[in-house]
């Protein structure tokens, strides 16, 4: 059975990051995504691989989103 796509809200909850940080990652960090129509979708396996090869805390700091809002 093919892997299901995750929506933006699901990824935000999973990674505990603000929406603007996710879009920053997509634009600047080569975060894995698929664009279906006008919507972003994500595969869990690709995100797990991205997490294993990137320090998410450092990535948040580079995004300027490391602090609380």
C-alpha atoms as a PDB file:
ATOM      1  CA  UNK A   1       0.000   0.000   0.000  1.00  0.00           C
ATOM      2  CA  UNK A   2       1.453   3.426  -0.933  1.00  0.00           C
ATOM      3  CA  UNK A   3       2.477   5.806   1.813  1.00  0.00           C
ATOM      4  CA  UNK A   4      -0.096   8.475   2.704  1.00  0.00           C
ATOM      5  CA  UNK A   5       0.715  12.152   2.343  1.00  0.00           C
ATOM      6  CA  UNK A   6       0.734  14.351   5.448  1.00  0.00           C
ATOM      7  CA  UNK A   7      -0.794  17.831   5.445  1.00  0.00           C
ATOM      8  CA  UNK A   8       0.908  20.992   6.661  1.00  0.00           C
ATOM      9  CA  UNK A   9      -0.982  20.940   9.988  1.00  0.00           C
ATOM     10  CA  UNK A  10       0.131  17.361  10.682  1.00  0.00           C
ATOM     11  CA  UNK A  11       3.782  18.211  10.019  1.00  0.00           C
ATOM     12  CA  UNK A  12       3.562  21.329  12.213  1.00  0.00           C
ATOM     13  CA  UNK A  13       2.190  19.267  15.085  1.00  0.00           C
ATOM     14  CA  UNK A  14       4.734  16.481  14.604  1.00  0.00           C
ATOM     15  CA  UNK A  15       7.747  18.833  14.495  1.00  0.00           C
ATOM     16  CA  UNK A  16       6.325  21.369  16.994  1.00  0.00           C
ATOM     17  CA  UNK A  17       7.251  24.316  14.805  1.00  0.00           C
ATOM     18  CA  UNK A  18       5.345  27.405  13.657  1.00  0.00           C
ATOM     19  CA  UNK A  19       3.910  27.517  10.140  1.00  0.00           C
ATOM     20  CA  UNK A  20       6.317  30.261   9.037  1.00  0.00           C
ATOM     21  CA  UNK A  21       9.282  28.076  10.025  1.00  0.00           C
ATOM     22  CA  UNK A  22       8.021  25.176   7.933  1.00  0.00           C
ATOM     23  CA  UNK A  23       7.679  27.447   4.910  1.00  0.00           C
ATOM     24  CA  UNK A  24      11.170  28.815   5.577  1.00  0.00           C
ATOM     25  CA  UNK A  25      12.497  25.245   5.649  1.00  0.00           C
ATOM     26  CA  UNK A  26      10.749  24.472   2.373  1.00  0.00           C
ATOM     27  CA  UNK A  27      12.163  27.575   0.716  1.00  0.00           C
ATOM     28  CA  UNK A  28      15.707  27.582   2.136  1.00  0.00           C
ATOM     29  CA  UNK A  29      16.550  24.236   3.683  1.00  0.00           C
ATOM     30  CA  UNK A  30      15.369  21.941   0.902  1.00  0.00           C
ATOM     31  CA  UNK A  31      12.767  20.386   3.208  1.00  0.00           C
ATOM     32  CA  UNK A  32      11.146  17.406   1.441  1.00  0.00           C
ATOM     33  CA  UNK A  33       7.722  18.220   0.039  1.00  0.00           C
ATOM     34  CA  UNK A  34       5.417  17.524  -2.844  1.00  0.00           C
ATOM     35  CA  UNK A  35       3.153  20.140  -4.356  1.00  0.00           C
ATOM     36  CA  UNK A  36      -0.262  18.825  -5.306  1.00  0.00           C
ATOM     37  CA  UNK A  37      -2.158  21.580  -7.024  1.00  0.00           C
ATOM     38  CA  UNK A  38      -1.582  24.595  -4.794  1.00  0.00           C
ATOM     39  CA  UNK A  39      -1.050  22.571  -1.614  1.00  0.00           C
ATOM     40  CA  UNK A  40       2.082  21.200   0.019  1.00  0.00           C
ATOM     41  CA  UNK A  41       2.098  17.537   1.017  1.00  0.00           C
ATOM     42  CA  UNK A  42       4.758  15.529   2.812  1.00  0.00           C
ATOM     43  CA  UNK A  43       5.761  11.885   3.129  1.00  0.00           C
ATOM     44  CA  UNK A  44       6.587  10.746   6.655  1.00  0.00           C
ATOM     45  CA  UNK A  45       9.530   8.652   5.478  1.00  0.00           C
ATOM     46  CA  UNK A  46      11.119  11.649   3.733  1.00  0.00           C
ATOM     47  CA  UNK A  47      10.674  13.839   6.816  1.00  0.00           C
ATOM     48  CA  UNK A  48      12.221  11.167   9.054  1.00  0.00           C
ATOM     49  CA  UNK A  49      15.197  11.020   6.706  1.00  0.00           C
ATOM     50  CA  UNK A  50      15.480  14.839   6.724  1.00  0.00           C
ATOM     51  CA  UNK A  51      15.395  14.864  10.543  1.00  0.00           C
ATOM     52  CA  UNK A  52      18.113  12.215  10.724  1.00  0.00           C
ATOM     53  CA  UNK A  53      20.431  14.286   8.516  1.00  0.00           C
ATOM     54  CA  UNK A  54      19.625  17.763   9.926  1.00  0.00           C
ATOM     55  CA  UNK A  55      19.773  19.295  13.373  1.00  0.00           C
ATOM     56  CA  UNK A  56      16.262  20.743  13.690  1.00  0.00           C
ATOM     57  CA  UNK A  57      17.265  23.015  16.607  1.00  0.00           C
ATOM     58  CA  UNK A  58      20.068  24.548  14.543  1.00  0.00           C
ATOM     59  CA  UNK A  59      17.782  24.821  11.521  1.00  0.00           C
ATOM     60  CA  UNK A  60      15.225  26.707  13.651  1.00  0.00           C
ATOM     61  CA  UNK A  61      17.933  29.101  14.842  1.00  0.00           C
ATOM     62  CA  UNK A  62      19.037  29.778  11.259  1.00  0.00           C
ATOM     63  CA  UNK A  63      15.404  30.439  10.404  1.00  0.00           C
ATOM     64  CA  UNK A  64      15.294  33.026  13.194  1.00  0.00           C
ATOM     65  CA  UNK A  65      12.468  31.092  14.803  1.00  0.00           C
ATOM     66  CA  UNK A  66      14.248  29.463  17.736  1.00  0.00           C
ATOM     67  CA  UNK A  67      12.498  31.437  20.455  1.00  0.00           C
ATOM     68  CA  UNK A  68       8.965  31.314  21.791  1.00  0.00           C
ATOM     69  CA  UNK A  69       6.224  33.402  20.235  1.00  0.00           C
END
